[in-house]
Amino acid sequence: IDVEANQWYVEPIQYAYDEGLMVGIGNSMFGTANNLTREQFVQILYSNAGKPEVEKETTFPDVKDDWYTNAVIWAKDNNITSGKGDGNFGVGQNISR
């Protein structure tokens, strides 16, 4: 309901949804005005990679068994992230450029 038909981002959002890269944030919303968290970002990359199986457990103490856990493990195993300097992944923190 937050994707307005006349906005520049309609086609990219539809593509991301159709390809299974992103599903929105619930309540029929995409979150067009929201920031992107670190776990959301690695989930998008993981989905784009086809959600391959992961075998290891997470080494980040702030990553619990949740919707993004496999994505975080996959991202670490593939050297996409090494987490934050304090040993955590940074769950709930926004990505930065």
PDB file of N, CA and C in Angstrom:
ATOM      1  N   ILE A   1       0.817  -1.208   0.000  1.00  0.00           N
ATOM      2  CA  ILE A   1       0.000   0.000   0.000  1.00  0.00           C
ATOM      3  C   ILE A   1       0.857   1.266   0.000  1.00  0.00           C
ATOM      4  N   ASP A   2       2.155   1.130   0.270  1.00  0.00           N
ATOM      5  CA  ASP A   2       3.026   2.312   0.297  1.00  0.00           C
ATOM      6  C   ASP A   2       3.808   2.483  -1.006  1.00  0.00           C
ATOM      7  N   VAL A   3       3.503   1.695  -2.034  1.00  0.00           N
ATOM      8  CA  VAL A   3       4.150   1.835  -3.335  1.00  0.00           C
ATOM      9  C   VAL A   3       3.177   2.579  -4.255  1.00  0.00           C
ATOM     10  N   GLU A   4       3.465   3.846  -4.461  1.00  0.00           N
ATOM     11  CA  GLU A   4       2.588   4.678  -5.277  1.00  0.00           C
ATOM     12  C   GLU A   4       2.873   4.448  -6.760  1.00  0.00           C
ATOM     13  N   ALA A   5       1.832   4.256  -7.536  1.00  0.00           N
ATOM     14  CA  ALA A   5       1.945   3.855  -8.941  1.00  0.00           C
ATOM     15  C   ALA A   5       2.755   4.816  -9.805  1.00  0.00           C
ATOM     16  N   ASN A   6       2.834   6.076  -9.455  1.00  0.00           N
ATOM     17  CA  ASN A   6       3.518   7.055 -10.310  1.00  0.00           C
ATOM     18  C   ASN A   6       4.967   7.317  -9.886  1.00  0.00           C
ATOM     19  N   GLN A   7       5.509   6.524  -8.980  1.00  0.00           N
ATOM     20  CA  GLN A   7       6.870   6.757  -8.501  1.00  0.00           C
ATOM     21  C   GLN A   7       7.905   6.015  -9.341  1.00  0.00           C
ATOM     22  N   TRP A   8       9.128   6.531  -9.362  1.00  0.00           N
ATOM     23  CA  TRP A   8      10.203   5.963 -10.170  1.00  0.00           C
ATOM     24  C   TRP A   8      10.569   4.543  -9.749  1.00  0.00           C
ATOM     25  N   TYR A   9      10.287   4.180  -8.505  1.00  0.00           N
ATOM     26  CA  TYR A   9      10.728   2.903  -7.965  1.00  0.00           C
ATOM     27  C   TYR A   9       9.734   1.754  -8.150  1.00  0.00           C
ATOM     28  N   VAL A  10       8.621   1.976  -8.807  1.00  0.00           N
ATOM     29  CA  VAL A  10       7.603   0.936  -8.951  1.00  0.00           C
ATOM     30  C   VAL A  10       8.150  -0.298  -9.674  1.00  0.00           C
ATOM     31  N   GLU A  11       8.771  -0.117 -10.825  1.00  0.00           N
ATOM     32  CA  GLU A  11       9.283  -1.257 -11.590  1.00  0.00           C
ATOM     33  C   GLU A  11      10.397  -2.001 -10.854  1.00  0.00           C
ATOM     34  N   PRO A  12      11.394  -1.320 -10.273  1.00  0.00           N
ATOM     35  CA  PRO A  12      12.407  -2.071  -9.513  1.00  0.00           C
ATOM     36  C   PRO A  12      11.821  -2.839  -8.327  1.00  0.00           C
ATOM     37  N   ILE A  13      10.854  -2.265  -7.639  1.00  0.00           N
ATOM     38  CA  ILE A  13      10.229  -2.968  -6.523  1.00  0.00           C
ATOM     39  C   ILE A  13       9.479  -4.186  -7.031  1.00  0.00           C
ATOM     40  N   GLN A  14       8.747  -4.040  -8.120  1.00  0.00           N
ATOM     41  CA  GLN A  14       8.011  -5.177  -8.679  1.00  0.00           C
ATOM     42  C   GLN A  14       8.971  -6.281  -9.103  1.00  0.00           C
ATOM     43  N   TYR A  15      10.103  -5.904  -9.702  1.00  0.00           N
ATOM     44  CA  TYR A  15      11.120  -6.882 -10.087  1.00  0.00           C
ATOM     45  C   TYR A  15      11.671  -7.616  -8.861  1.00  0.00           C
ATOM     46  N   ALA A  16      12.032  -6.876  -7.826  1.00  0.00           N
ATOM     47  CA  ALA A  16      12.581  -7.485  -6.609  1.00  0.00           C
ATOM     48  C   ALA A  16      11.568  -8.435  -5.986  1.00  0.00           C
ATOM     49  N   TYR A  17      10.311  -8.069  -6.003  1.00  0.00           N
ATOM     50  CA  TYR A  17       9.259  -8.929  -5.462  1.00  0.00           C
ATOM     51  C   TYR A  17       9.053 -10.164  -6.336  1.00  0.00           C
ATOM     52  N   ASP A  18       8.940  -9.959  -7.635  1.00  0.00           N
ATOM     53  CA  ASP A  18       8.706 -11.078  -8.565  1.00  0.00           C
ATOM     54  C   ASP A  18       9.840 -12.093  -8.543  1.00  0.00           C
ATOM     55  N   GLU A  19      11.061 -11.615  -8.362  1.00  0.00           N
ATOM     56  CA  GLU A  19      12.230 -12.505  -8.349  1.00  0.00           C
ATOM     57  C   GLU A  19      12.505 -13.111  -6.981  1.00  0.00           C
ATOM     58  N   GLY A  20      11.698 -12.756  -5.986  1.00  0.00           N
ATOM     59  CA  GLY A  20      11.859 -13.306  -4.650  1.00  0.00           C
ATOM     60  C   GLY A  20      13.013 -12.707  -3.868  1.00  0.00           C
ATOM     61  N   LEU A  21      13.491 -11.543  -4.301  1.00  0.00           N
ATOM     62  CA  LEU A  21      14.595 -10.893  -3.597  1.00  0.00           C
ATOM     63  C   LEU A  21      14.120 -10.183  -2.340  1.00  0.00           C
ATOM     64  N   MET A  22      12.910  -9.655  -2.402  1.00  0.00           N
ATOM     65  CA  MET A  22      12.339  -8.921  -1.276  1.00  0.00           C
ATOM     66  C   MET A  22      10.846  -9.221  -1.233  1.00  0.00           C
ATOM     67  N   VAL A  23      10.300  -9.272  -0.020  1.00  0.00           N
ATOM     68  CA  VAL A  23       8.874  -9.555   0.118  1.00  0.00           C
ATOM     69  C   VAL A  23       8.115  -8.448   0.840  1.00  0.00           C
ATOM     70  N   GLY A  24       8.789  -7.431   1.265  1.00  0.00           N
ATOM     71  CA  GLY A  24       8.134  -6.353   1.994  1.00  0.00           C
ATOM     72  C   GLY A  24       8.265  -6.549   3.489  1.00  0.00           C
ATOM     73  N   ILE A  25       7.561  -5.719   4.234  1.00  0.00           N
ATOM     74  CA  ILE A  25       7.711  -5.726   5.694  1.00  0.00           C
ATOM     75  C   ILE A  25       6.440  -6.126   6.421  1.00  0.00           C
ATOM     76  N   GLY A  26       5.482  -6.658   5.727  1.00  0.00           N
ATOM     77  CA  GLY A  26       4.240  -7.079   6.369  1.00  0.00           C
ATOM     78  C   GLY A  26       3.161  -6.016   6.244  1.00  0.00           C
ATOM     79  N   ASN A  27       1.941  -6.394   6.580  1.00  0.00           N
ATOM     80  CA  ASN A  27       0.792  -5.480   6.489  1.00  0.00           C
ATOM     81  C   ASN A  27       0.668  -4.857   5.112  1.00  0.00           C
ATOM     82  N   SER A  28       1.020  -5.629   4.060  1.00  0.00           N
ATOM     83  CA  SER A  28       0.937  -5.166   2.671  1.00  0.00           C
ATOM     84  C   SER A  28       1.767  -3.910   2.432  1.00  0.00           C
ATOM     85  N   MET A  29       2.889  -3.798   3.107  1.00  0.00           N
ATOM     86  CA  MET A  29       3.770  -2.649   2.921  1.00  0.00           C
ATOM     87  C   MET A  29       5.135  -3.121   2.443  1.00  0.00           C
ATOM     88  N   PHE A  30       5.765  -2.274   1.653  1.00  0.00           N
ATOM     89  CA  PHE A  30       7.111  -2.560   1.181  1.00  0.00           C
ATOM     90  C   PHE A  30       8.169  -1.863   2.026  1.00  0.00           C
ATOM     91  N   GLY A  31       7.832  -0.737   2.577  1.00  0.00           N
ATOM     92  CA  GLY A  31       8.788   0.015   3.394  1.00  0.00           C
ATOM     93  C   GLY A  31       9.583   1.011   2.578  1.00  0.00           C
ATOM     94  N   THR A  32       8.944   1.649   1.636  1.00  0.00           N
ATOM     95  CA  THR A  32       9.650   2.562   0.728  1.00  0.00           C
ATOM     96  C   THR A  32      10.348   3.715   1.445  1.00  0.00           C
ATOM     97  N   ALA A  33       9.849   4.108   2.588  1.00  0.00           N
ATOM     98  CA  ALA A  33      10.462   5.226   3.314  1.00  0.00           C
ATOM     99  C   ALA A  33      11.371   4.755   4.443  1.00  0.00           C
ATOM    100  N   ASN A  34      11.526   3.447   4.578  1.00  0.00           N
ATOM    101  CA  ASN A  34      12.324   2.908   5.680  1.00  0.00           C
ATOM    102  C   ASN A  34      13.793   2.790   5.306  1.00  0.00           C
ATOM    103  N   ASN A  35      14.644   2.800   6.328  1.00  0.00           N
ATOM    104  CA  ASN A  35      16.052   2.473   6.127  1.00  0.00           C
ATOM    105  C   ASN A  35      16.188   0.974   5.955  1.00  0.00           C
ATOM    106  N   LEU A  36      17.320   0.527   5.432  1.00  0.00           N
ATOM    107  CA  LEU A  36      17.598  -0.888   5.228  1.00  0.00           C
ATOM    108  C   LEU A  36      18.574  -1.355   6.301  1.00  0.00           C
ATOM    109  N   THR A  37      18.207  -2.405   7.025  1.00  0.00           N
ATOM    110  CA  THR A  37      19.084  -2.916   8.069  1.00  0.00           C
ATOM    111  C   THR A  37      20.124  -3.861   7.477  1.00  0.00           C
ATOM    112  N   ARG A  38      21.137  -4.123   8.248  1.00  0.00           N
ATOM    113  CA  ARG A  38      22.209  -5.015   7.816  1.00  0.00           C
ATOM    114  C   ARG A  38      21.677  -6.408   7.489  1.00  0.00           C
ATOM    115  N   GLU A  39      20.764  -6.917   8.310  1.00  0.00           N
ATOM    116  CA  GLU A  39      20.219  -8.247   8.052  1.00  0.00           C
ATOM    117  C   GLU A  39      19.301  -8.267   6.829  1.00  0.00           C
ATOM    118  N   GLN A  40      18.573  -7.184   6.589  1.00  0.00           N
ATOM    119  CA  GLN A  40      17.762  -7.108   5.378  1.00  0.00           C
ATOM    120  C   GLN A  40      18.647  -7.116   4.139  1.00  0.00           C
ATOM    121  N   PHE A  41      19.750  -6.389   4.199  1.00  0.00           N
ATOM    122  CA  PHE A  41      20.656  -6.314   3.054  1.00  0.00           C
ATOM    123  C   PHE A  41      21.258  -7.671   2.716  1.00  0.00           C
ATOM    124  N   VAL A  42      21.776  -8.389   3.719  1.00  0.00           N
ATOM    125  CA  VAL A  42      22.364  -9.699   3.406  1.00  0.00           C
ATOM    126  C   VAL A  42      21.280 -10.690   2.992  1.00  0.00           C
ATOM    127  N   GLN A  43      20.059 -10.527   3.477  1.00  0.00           N
ATOM    128  CA  GLN A  43      18.963 -11.404   3.037  1.00  0.00           C
ATOM    129  C   GLN A  43      18.684 -11.200   1.556  1.00  0.00           C
ATOM    130  N   ILE A  44      18.733  -9.967   1.077  1.00  0.00           N
ATOM    131  CA  ILE A  44      18.533  -9.692  -0.350  1.00  0.00           C
ATOM    132  C   ILE A  44      19.624 -10.372  -1.176  1.00  0.00           C
ATOM    133  N   LEU A  45      20.877 -10.234  -0.747  1.00  0.00           N
ATOM    134  CA  LEU A  45      21.982 -10.873  -1.464  1.00  0.00           C
ATOM    135  C   LEU A  45      21.854 -12.387  -1.434  1.00  0.00           C
ATOM    136  N   TYR A  46      21.491 -12.936  -0.299  1.00  0.00           N
ATOM    137  CA  TYR A  46      21.307 -14.377  -0.129  1.00  0.00           C
ATOM    138  C   TYR A  46      20.175 -14.888  -1.020  1.00  0.00           C
ATOM    139  N   SER A  47      19.086 -14.159  -1.090  1.00  0.00           N
ATOM    140  CA  SER A  47      17.978 -14.534  -1.967  1.00  0.00           C
ATOM    141  C   SER A  47      18.414 -14.509  -3.419  1.00  0.00           C
ATOM    142  N   ASN A  48      19.186 -13.501  -3.793  1.00  0.00           N
ATOM    143  CA  ASN A  48      19.686 -13.400  -5.163  1.00  0.00           C
ATOM    144  C   ASN A  48      20.601 -14.573  -5.515  1.00  0.00           C
ATOM    145  N   ALA A  49      21.301 -15.105  -4.525  1.00  0.00           N
ATOM    146  CA  ALA A  49      22.189 -16.250  -4.733  1.00  0.00           C
ATOM    147  C   ALA A  49      21.424 -17.573  -4.758  1.00  0.00           C
ATOM    148  N   GLY A  50      20.120 -17.526  -4.576  1.00  0.00           N
ATOM    149  CA  GLY A  50      19.313 -18.731  -4.608  1.00  0.00           C
ATOM    150  C   GLY A  50      19.120 -19.401  -3.257  1.00  0.00           C
ATOM    151  N   LYS A  51      19.445 -18.718  -2.186  1.00  0.00           N
ATOM    152  CA  LYS A  51      19.318 -19.225  -0.813  1.00  0.00           C
ATOM    153  C   LYS A  51      19.983 -20.596  -0.653  1.00  0.00           C
ATOM    154  N   PRO A  52      21.279 -20.662  -0.939  1.00  0.00           N
ATOM    155  CA  PRO A  52      21.963 -21.953  -0.800  1.00  0.00           C
ATOM    156  C   PRO A  52      21.981 -22.438   0.651  1.00  0.00           C
ATOM    157  N   GLU A  53      22.102 -23.744   0.798  1.00  0.00           N
ATOM    158  CA  GLU A  53      22.169 -24.334   2.134  1.00  0.00           C
ATOM    159  C   GLU A  53      23.402 -23.830   2.874  1.00  0.00           C
ATOM    160  N   VAL A  54      23.267 -23.650   4.160  1.00  0.00           N
ATOM    161  CA  VAL A  54      24.393 -23.302   5.017  1.00  0.00           C
ATOM    162  C   VAL A  54      24.533 -24.396   6.062  1.00  0.00           C
ATOM    163  N   GLU A  55      25.755 -24.668   6.447  1.00  0.00           N
ATOM    164  CA  GLU A  55      25.986 -25.769   7.372  1.00  0.00           C
ATOM    165  C   GLU A  55      26.515 -25.325   8.728  1.00  0.00           C
ATOM    166  N   LYS A  56      27.081 -24.175   8.792  1.00  0.00           N
ATOM    167  CA  LYS A  56      27.682 -23.716  10.039  1.00  0.00           C
ATOM    168  C   LYS A  56      26.671 -22.983  10.896  1.00  0.00           C
ATOM    169  N   GLU A  57      26.994 -22.871  12.166  1.00  0.00           N
ATOM    170  CA  GLU A  57      26.217 -22.018  13.052  1.00  0.00           C
ATOM    171  C   GLU A  57      26.837 -20.631  13.029  1.00  0.00           C
ATOM    172  N   THR A  58      26.052 -19.658  13.374  1.00  0.00           N
ATOM    173  CA  THR A  58      26.559 -18.294  13.376  1.00  0.00           C
ATOM    174  C   THR A  58      27.606 -18.099  14.472  1.00  0.00           C
ATOM    175  N   THR A  59      28.570 -17.280  14.187  1.00  0.00           N
ATOM    176  CA  THR A  59      29.586 -16.942  15.186  1.00  0.00           C
ATOM    177  C   THR A  59      29.340 -15.559  15.777  1.00  0.00           C
ATOM    178  N   PHE A  60      28.291 -14.900  15.340  1.00  0.00           N
ATOM    179  CA  PHE A  60      27.956 -13.580  15.862  1.00  0.00           C
ATOM    180  C   PHE A  60      26.999 -13.735  17.049  1.00  0.00           C
ATOM    181  N   PRO A  61      27.371 -13.235  18.215  1.00  0.00           N
ATOM    182  CA  PRO A  61      26.507 -13.411  19.391  1.00  0.00           C
ATOM    183  C   PRO A  61      25.151 -12.713  19.283  1.00  0.00           C
ATOM    184  N   ASP A  62      25.033 -11.692  18.446  1.00  0.00           N
ATOM    185  CA  ASP A  62      23.762 -10.983  18.331  1.00  0.00           C
ATOM    186  C   ASP A  62      22.835 -11.582  17.273  1.00  0.00           C
ATOM    187  N   VAL A  63      23.262 -12.644  16.597  1.00  0.00           N
ATOM    188  CA  VAL A  63      22.425 -13.297  15.586  1.00  0.00           C
ATOM    189  C   VAL A  63      21.798 -14.537  16.218  1.00  0.00           C
ATOM    190  N   LYS A  64      20.495 -14.454  16.406  1.00  0.00           N
ATOM    191  CA  LYS A  64      19.738 -15.564  16.982  1.00  0.00           C
ATOM    192  C   LYS A  64      19.044 -16.315  15.847  1.00  0.00           C
ATOM    193  N   ASP A  65      18.342 -17.373  16.174  1.00  0.00           N
ATOM    194  CA  ASP A  65      17.609 -18.142  15.172  1.00  0.00           C
ATOM    195  C   ASP A  65      16.409 -17.328  14.714  1.00  0.00           C
ATOM    196  N   ASP A  66      16.526 -16.733  13.539  1.00  0.00           N
ATOM    197  CA  ASP A  66      15.481 -15.846  13.031  1.00  0.00           C
ATOM    198  C   ASP A  66      15.465 -15.919  11.510  1.00  0.00           C
ATOM    199  N   TRP A  67      14.632 -15.125  10.857  1.00  0.00           N
ATOM    200  CA  TRP A  67      14.454 -15.175   9.415  1.00  0.00           C
ATOM    201  C   TRP A  67      15.731 -14.856   8.639  1.00  0.00           C
ATOM    202  N   TYR A  68      16.656 -14.159   9.216  1.00  0.00           N
ATOM    203  CA  TYR A  68      17.867 -13.718   8.532  1.00  0.00           C
ATOM    204  C   TYR A  68      19.105 -14.558   8.871  1.00  0.00           C
ATOM    205  N   THR A  69      18.985 -15.527   9.762  1.00  0.00           N
ATOM    206  CA  THR A  69      20.148 -16.257  10.265  1.00  0.00           C
ATOM    207  C   THR A  69      20.956 -16.925   9.157  1.00  0.00           C
ATOM    208  N   ASN A  70      20.313 -17.673   8.285  1.00  0.00           N
ATOM    209  CA  ASN A  70      21.039 -18.335   7.193  1.00  0.00           C
ATOM    210  C   ASN A  70      21.715 -17.326   6.281  1.00  0.00           C
ATOM    211  N   ALA A  71      21.063 -16.196   6.046  1.00  0.00           N
ATOM    212  CA  ALA A  71      21.655 -15.168   5.193  1.00  0.00           C
ATOM    213  C   ALA A  71      22.925 -14.605   5.803  1.00  0.00           C
ATOM    214  N   VAL A  72      22.917 -14.378   7.097  1.00  0.00           N
ATOM    215  CA  VAL A  72      24.105 -13.854   7.785  1.00  0.00           C
ATOM    216  C   VAL A  72      25.233 -14.880   7.730  1.00  0.00           C
ATOM    217  N   ILE A  73      24.913 -16.138   8.006  1.00  0.00           N
ATOM    218  CA  ILE A  73      25.932 -17.194   7.948  1.00  0.00           C
ATOM    219  C   ILE A  73      26.516 -17.270   6.538  1.00  0.00           C
ATOM    220  N   TRP A  74      25.663 -17.267   5.529  1.00  0.00           N
ATOM    221  CA  TRP A  74      26.095 -17.325   4.134  1.00  0.00           C
ATOM    222  C   TRP A  74      26.984 -16.129   3.792  1.00  0.00           C
ATOM    223  N   ALA A  75      26.576 -14.937   4.213  1.00  0.00           N
ATOM    224  CA  ALA A  75      27.347 -13.728   3.911  1.00  0.00           C
ATOM    225  C   ALA A  75      28.728 -13.775   4.562  1.00  0.00           C
ATOM    226  N   LYS A  76      28.813 -14.277   5.786  1.00  0.00           N
ATOM    227  CA  LYS A  76      30.111 -14.394   6.449  1.00  0.00           C
ATOM    228  C   LYS A  76      30.971 -15.449   5.760  1.00  0.00           C
ATOM    229  N   ASP A  77      30.380 -16.599   5.431  1.00  0.00           N
ATOM    230  CA  ASP A  77      31.114 -17.682   4.770  1.00  0.00           C
ATOM    231  C   ASP A  77      31.649 -17.262   3.408  1.00  0.00           C
ATOM    232  N   ASN A  78      30.977 -16.314   2.761  1.00  0.00           N
ATOM    233  CA  ASN A  78      31.370 -15.856   1.434  1.00  0.00           C
ATOM    234  C   ASN A  78      32.103 -14.518   1.464  1.00  0.00           C
ATOM    235  N   ASN A  79      32.587 -14.150   2.636  1.00  0.00           N
ATOM    236  CA  ASN A  79      33.377 -12.929   2.818  1.00  0.00           C
ATOM    237  C   ASN A  79      32.664 -11.663   2.360  1.00  0.00           C
ATOM    238  N   ILE A  80      31.356 -11.653   2.517  1.00  0.00           N
ATOM    239  CA  ILE A  80      30.573 -10.461   2.208  1.00  0.00           C
ATOM    240  C   ILE A  80      30.512  -9.555   3.430  1.00  0.00           C
ATOM    241  N   THR A  81      30.549 -10.169   4.603  1.00  0.00           N
ATOM    242  CA  THR A  81      30.576  -9.404   5.850  1.00  0.00           C
ATOM    243  C   THR A  81      31.517 -10.078   6.836  1.00  0.00           C
ATOM    244  N   SER A  82      32.103  -9.273   7.654  1.00  0.00           N
ATOM    245  CA  SER A  82      32.891  -9.819   8.763  1.00  0.00           C
ATOM    246  C   SER A  82      32.310  -9.312  10.084  1.00  0.00           C
ATOM    247  N   GLY A  83      31.173  -8.650   9.998  1.00  0.00           N
ATOM    248  CA  GLY A  83      30.531  -8.116  11.192  1.00  0.00           C
ATOM    249  C   GLY A  83      31.102  -6.767  11.583  1.00  0.00           C
ATOM    250  N   LYS A  84      30.794  -6.389  12.787  1.00  0.00           N
ATOM    251  CA  LYS A  84      31.259  -5.116  13.325  1.00  0.00           C
ATOM    252  C   LYS A  84      32.546  -5.348  14.113  1.00  0.00           C
ATOM    253  N   GLY A  85      33.231  -4.318  14.445  1.00  0.00           N
ATOM    254  CA  GLY A  85      34.490  -4.426  15.176  1.00  0.00           C
ATOM    255  C   GLY A  85      34.360  -5.018  16.566  1.00  0.00           C
ATOM    256  N   ASP A  86      33.141  -5.027  17.113  1.00  0.00           N
ATOM    257  CA  ASP A  86      32.944  -5.566  18.466  1.00  0.00           C
ATOM    258  C   ASP A  86      32.624  -7.061  18.470  1.00  0.00           C
ATOM    259  N   GLY A  87      32.684  -7.710  17.308  1.00  0.00           N
ATOM    260  CA  GLY A  87      32.401  -9.142  17.211  1.00  0.00           C
ATOM    261  C   GLY A  87      30.962  -9.469  16.881  1.00  0.00           C
ATOM    262  N   ASN A  88      30.089  -8.479  16.910  1.00  0.00           N
ATOM    263  CA  ASN A  88      28.689  -8.679  16.558  1.00  0.00           C
ATOM    264  C   ASN A  88      28.482  -8.434  15.072  1.00  0.00           C
ATOM    265  N   PHE A  89      27.339  -8.908  14.571  1.00  0.00           N
ATOM    266  CA  PHE A  89      26.964  -8.631  13.190  1.00  0.00           C
ATOM    267  C   PHE A  89      26.394  -7.225  13.053  1.00  0.00           C
ATOM    268  N   GLY A  90      25.626  -6.811  14.021  1.00  0.00           N
ATOM    269  CA  GLY A  90      24.990  -5.496  13.968  1.00  0.00           C
ATOM    270  C   GLY A  90      23.507  -5.596  13.637  1.00  0.00           C
ATOM    271  N   VAL A  91      22.839  -6.601  14.181  1.00  0.00           N
ATOM    272  CA  VAL A  91      21.401  -6.799  13.933  1.00  0.00           C
ATOM    273  C   VAL A  91      20.642  -5.534  14.319  1.00  0.00           C
ATOM    274  N   GLY A  92      19.763  -5.112  13.436  1.00  0.00           N
ATOM    275  CA  GLY A  92      18.945  -3.944  13.685  1.00  0.00           C
ATOM    276  C   GLY A  92      19.590  -2.625  13.317  1.00  0.00           C
ATOM    277  N   GLN A  93      20.855  -2.666  12.955  1.00  0.00           N
ATOM    278  CA  GLN A  93      21.553  -1.426  12.561  1.00  0.00           C
ATOM    279  C   GLN A  93      21.411  -1.225  11.053  1.00  0.00           C
ATOM    280  N   ASN A  94      21.287   0.013  10.670  1.00  0.00           N
ATOM    281  CA  ASN A  94      21.151   0.335   9.250  1.00  0.00           C
ATOM    282  C   ASN A  94      22.483   0.156   8.532  1.00  0.00           C
ATOM    283  N   ILE A  95      22.385  -0.215   7.266  1.00  0.00           N
ATOM    284  CA  ILE A  95      23.611  -0.313   6.474  1.00  0.00           C
ATOM    285  C   ILE A  95      24.116   1.091   6.204  1.00  0.00           C
ATOM    286  N   SER A  96      25.387   1.159   5.890  1.00  0.00           N
ATOM    287  CA  SER A  96      25.971   2.433   5.492  1.00  0.00           C
ATOM    288  C   SER A  96      26.663   2.230   4.156  1.00  0.00           C
ATOM    289  N   ARG A  97      26.946   3.299   3.493  1.00  0.00           N
ATOM    290  CA  ARG A  97      27.576   3.166   2.188  1.00  0.00           C
ATOM    291  C   ARG A  97      28.991   2.825   2.430  1.00  0.00           C
TER     292      ARG A  97
END
